[in-house]
Amino acid sequence: MAWNKSWYLHDFILPTTDEEVYEQIWLTEDESTSIHYIEDPLIDIRYLFIHGSKQVEVINEISSYLDIFQREEIFEMIHKAVSPEEYIQGIYHIGVAANHDYDKEIFELFKAVFAHSEPKVRNAAILATSYVGWKQFEEPLKSLSDSDPEKEVQEFAKFTLQSLGARNWETGLNT
């Protein structure tokens, strides 16, 4: 598809460990928009990140060519989830699908998953917040770091809270 659209491979990032992402960065012919193809072993998802002035146009072109998840399908993953693994996959998909602009509906899904009975599901939701980065996560992450019944969840929430604060909120990204 990229060749047919005259997009060209601008760069690629090879992982140096099994935990790092593989990324291809494509540019549109006029270089106004970048298409990032990412294979993320941490959450076991392949996804696209589109940035630039022709973002909507490029997304529509890709959607007409590839079978990609629509917003409603991703929400259904959470609403229909039964097993912890289904919740984890659902929240990871929501994390990579959310854009940098706050979305109350997505935030409410995160809050529901933060309250899940399984610690590994709560940890997955905490990890997924780092893909979204909204400042609105500060309060629920603080609550998890202070009062989650599992020490591991508390520590991961505290770490993520500090990381998001330093990387996103203090720099003005996602505020």
Protein backbone atom coordinates (compact mmCIF):
# COMPACT_ATOMS: atom_id res chain seq x y z
CA MET A 1 0.00 0.00 0.00
CA ALA A 2 2.75 2.47 0.94
CA TRP A 3 4.42 2.14 -2.44
CA ASN A 4 1.09 2.66 -4.24
CA LYS A 5 0.58 5.91 -2.33
CA SER A 6 4.15 7.10 -3.01
CA TRP A 7 4.97 6.99 0.67
CA TYR A 8 8.57 6.25 1.39
CA LEU A 9 10.40 4.56 4.22
CA HIS A 10 12.09 7.38 6.09
CA ASP A 11 13.61 5.42 8.97
CA PHE A 12 13.30 2.30 11.04
CA ILE A 13 14.22 1.51 14.60
CA LEU A 14 15.47 -1.96 15.38
CA PRO A 15 15.06 -3.24 18.92
CA THR A 16 18.21 -4.01 20.88
CA THR A 17 16.33 -6.16 23.42
CA ASP A 18 13.25 -8.40 23.34
CA GLU A 19 11.31 -5.72 25.24
CA GLU A 20 11.90 -2.84 22.83
CA VAL A 21 9.64 -1.90 19.94
CA TYR A 22 10.35 -2.36 16.27
CA GLU A 23 9.30 0.72 14.32
CA GLN A 24 9.11 1.72 10.67
CA ILE A 25 8.58 5.40 9.92
CA TRP A 26 7.02 6.20 6.57
CA LEU A 27 6.43 9.68 5.16
CA THR A 28 3.83 10.82 2.69
CA GLU A 29 5.15 12.05 -0.63
CA ASP A 30 4.93 15.71 0.48
CA GLU A 31 6.47 14.79 3.88
CA SER A 32 3.58 16.44 5.73
CA THR A 33 2.51 13.28 7.52
CA SER A 34 4.37 10.40 9.13
CA ILE A 35 3.06 6.87 9.45
CA HIS A 36 4.66 4.87 12.25
CA TYR A 37 4.24 1.11 12.13
CA ILE A 38 5.05 -0.28 15.58
CA GLU A 39 5.43 -3.84 16.87
CA ASP A 40 5.31 -3.58 20.64
CA PRO A 41 6.38 -6.76 22.48
CA LEU A 42 5.53 -5.29 25.88
CA ILE A 43 1.81 -5.37 25.12
CA ASP A 44 1.99 -7.82 22.19
CA ILE A 45 0.23 -5.47 19.77
CA ARG A 46 1.12 -4.13 16.35
CA TYR A 47 -0.29 -0.68 15.69
CA LEU A 48 -0.02 2.45 13.60
CA PHE A 49 0.57 5.98 14.82
CA ILE A 50 -0.20 8.71 12.30
CA HIS A 51 1.05 12.27 12.78
CA GLY A 52 0.83 15.32 10.55
CA SER A 53 -1.38 17.64 8.56
CA LYS A 54 -2.96 14.82 6.51
CA GLN A 55 -3.65 12.57 9.48
CA VAL A 56 -7.36 12.04 8.75
CA GLU A 57 -6.76 11.46 5.03
CA VAL A 58 -4.00 8.92 5.73
CA ILE A 59 -6.10 7.11 8.35
CA ASN A 60 -8.97 6.85 5.86
CA GLU A 61 -6.64 5.49 3.17
CA ILE A 62 -5.18 2.91 5.54
CA SER A 63 -8.63 1.94 6.82
CA SER A 64 -9.83 1.28 3.29
CA TYR A 65 -6.88 -1.03 2.68
CA LEU A 66 -6.30 -2.78 6.01
CA ASP A 67 -8.72 -4.40 8.40
CA ILE A 68 -8.17 -2.26 11.48
CA PHE A 69 -10.13 -2.02 14.71
CA GLN A 70 -12.73 0.71 14.90
CA ARG A 71 -13.37 2.59 18.15
CA GLU A 72 -16.60 0.68 18.83
CA GLU A 73 -14.86 -2.67 18.38
CA ILE A 74 -12.18 -1.73 20.87
CA PHE A 75 -14.77 -0.60 23.41
CA GLU A 76 -16.58 -3.91 22.92
CA MET A 77 -13.40 -5.75 23.90
CA ILE A 78 -13.74 -4.30 27.40
CA HIS A 79 -17.53 -4.48 27.61
CA LYS A 80 -17.57 -8.15 26.58
CA ALA A 81 -14.44 -9.19 28.48
CA VAL A 82 -14.83 -12.06 30.90
CA SER A 83 -11.35 -13.39 31.56
CA PRO A 84 -8.46 -11.30 32.90
CA GLU A 85 -6.64 -11.85 29.60
CA GLU A 86 -9.56 -10.38 27.65
CA TYR A 87 -9.58 -7.32 29.91
CA ILE A 88 -5.82 -6.94 29.49
CA GLN A 89 -5.96 -7.13 25.69
CA GLY A 90 -8.90 -4.71 25.66
CA ILE A 91 -7.23 -2.08 27.82
CA TYR A 92 -4.00 -2.34 25.83
CA HIS A 93 -5.92 -1.74 22.61
CA ILE A 94 -7.69 1.23 24.17
CA GLY A 95 -4.34 2.57 25.35
CA VAL A 96 -2.81 2.57 21.88
CA ALA A 97 -6.01 3.73 20.16
CA ALA A 98 -6.59 6.77 22.37
CA ASN A 99 -5.14 10.01 21.11
CA HIS A 100 -3.52 12.72 23.19
CA ASP A 101 -6.77 14.66 23.63
CA TYR A 102 -8.70 13.71 26.77
CA ASP A 103 -11.74 11.51 26.12
CA LYS A 104 -14.17 11.04 29.02
CA GLU A 105 -15.58 7.78 27.66
CA ILE A 106 -12.12 6.22 27.44
CA PHE A 107 -11.20 7.60 30.85
CA GLU A 108 -14.28 5.96 32.39
CA LEU A 109 -13.28 2.61 30.86
CA PHE A 110 -9.85 2.96 32.44
CA LYS A 111 -11.42 3.76 35.83
CA ALA A 112 -13.55 0.62 35.61
CA VAL A 113 -10.51 -1.54 34.79
CA PHE A 114 -8.52 0.10 37.63
CA ALA A 115 -11.17 -1.42 39.95
CA HIS A 116 -10.92 -4.96 38.53
CA SER A 117 -10.44 -7.69 41.13
CA GLU A 118 -7.33 -9.15 39.44
CA PRO A 119 -4.03 -7.36 40.18
CA LYS A 120 -2.61 -8.24 36.75
CA VAL A 121 -5.58 -6.49 35.10
CA ARG A 122 -5.08 -3.37 37.24
CA ASN A 123 -1.36 -3.44 36.37
CA ALA A 124 -2.23 -3.70 32.67
CA ALA A 125 -4.48 -0.65 32.98
CA ILE A 126 -1.67 1.23 34.72
CA LEU A 127 0.73 0.31 31.91
CA ALA A 128 -1.82 1.38 29.29
CA THR A 129 -2.01 4.86 30.86
CA SER A 130 1.57 5.43 29.76
CA TYR A 131 0.48 5.06 26.13
CA VAL A 132 -2.22 7.71 26.62
CA GLY A 133 -0.50 10.05 29.07
CA TRP A 134 -3.42 12.24 30.13
CA LYS A 135 -2.97 14.37 33.24
CA GLN A 136 -6.44 13.18 34.31
CA PHE A 137 -4.82 9.85 35.23
CA GLU A 138 -2.93 11.54 38.06
CA GLU A 139 -5.73 11.15 40.63
CA PRO A 140 -6.62 7.48 39.94
CA LEU A 141 -2.93 6.51 39.77
CA LYS A 142 -2.32 8.31 43.08
CA SER A 143 -5.25 6.43 44.58
CA LEU A 144 -3.88 3.09 43.36
CA SER A 145 -0.39 3.92 44.63
CA ASP A 146 -1.79 4.83 48.06
CA SER A 147 -4.47 2.24 48.64
CA ASP A 148 -4.46 -0.72 46.25
CA PRO A 149 -4.54 -3.95 48.30
CA GLU A 150 -1.57 -5.36 46.36
CA LYS A 151 1.89 -3.93 47.03
CA GLU A 152 3.01 -4.70 43.46
CA VAL A 153 0.13 -2.64 42.04
CA GLN A 154 0.87 0.20 44.46
CA GLU A 155 4.52 0.29 43.40
CA PHE A 156 3.75 0.13 39.68
CA ALA A 157 1.16 2.91 40.01
CA LYS A 158 3.68 5.06 41.89
CA PHE A 159 6.39 4.41 39.27
CA THR A 160 3.99 5.21 36.40
CA LEU A 161 2.75 8.34 38.17
CA GLN A 162 6.32 9.59 38.54
CA SER A 163 7.19 8.68 34.96
CA LEU A 164 4.14 10.38 33.46
CA GLY A 165 4.74 13.41 35.65
CA ALA A 166 8.32 13.82 34.49
CA ARG A 167 7.86 12.80 30.86
CA ASN A 168 4.43 14.18 29.99
CA TRP A 169 2.96 16.57 32.50
CA GLU A 170 5.97 18.63 33.58
CA THR A 171 7.01 19.06 29.95
CA GLY A 172 3.55 20.26 28.91
CA LEU A 173 2.72 17.16 26.88
CA ASN A 174 -0.80 15.85 27.59
CA THR A 175 -1.78 18.68 29.93
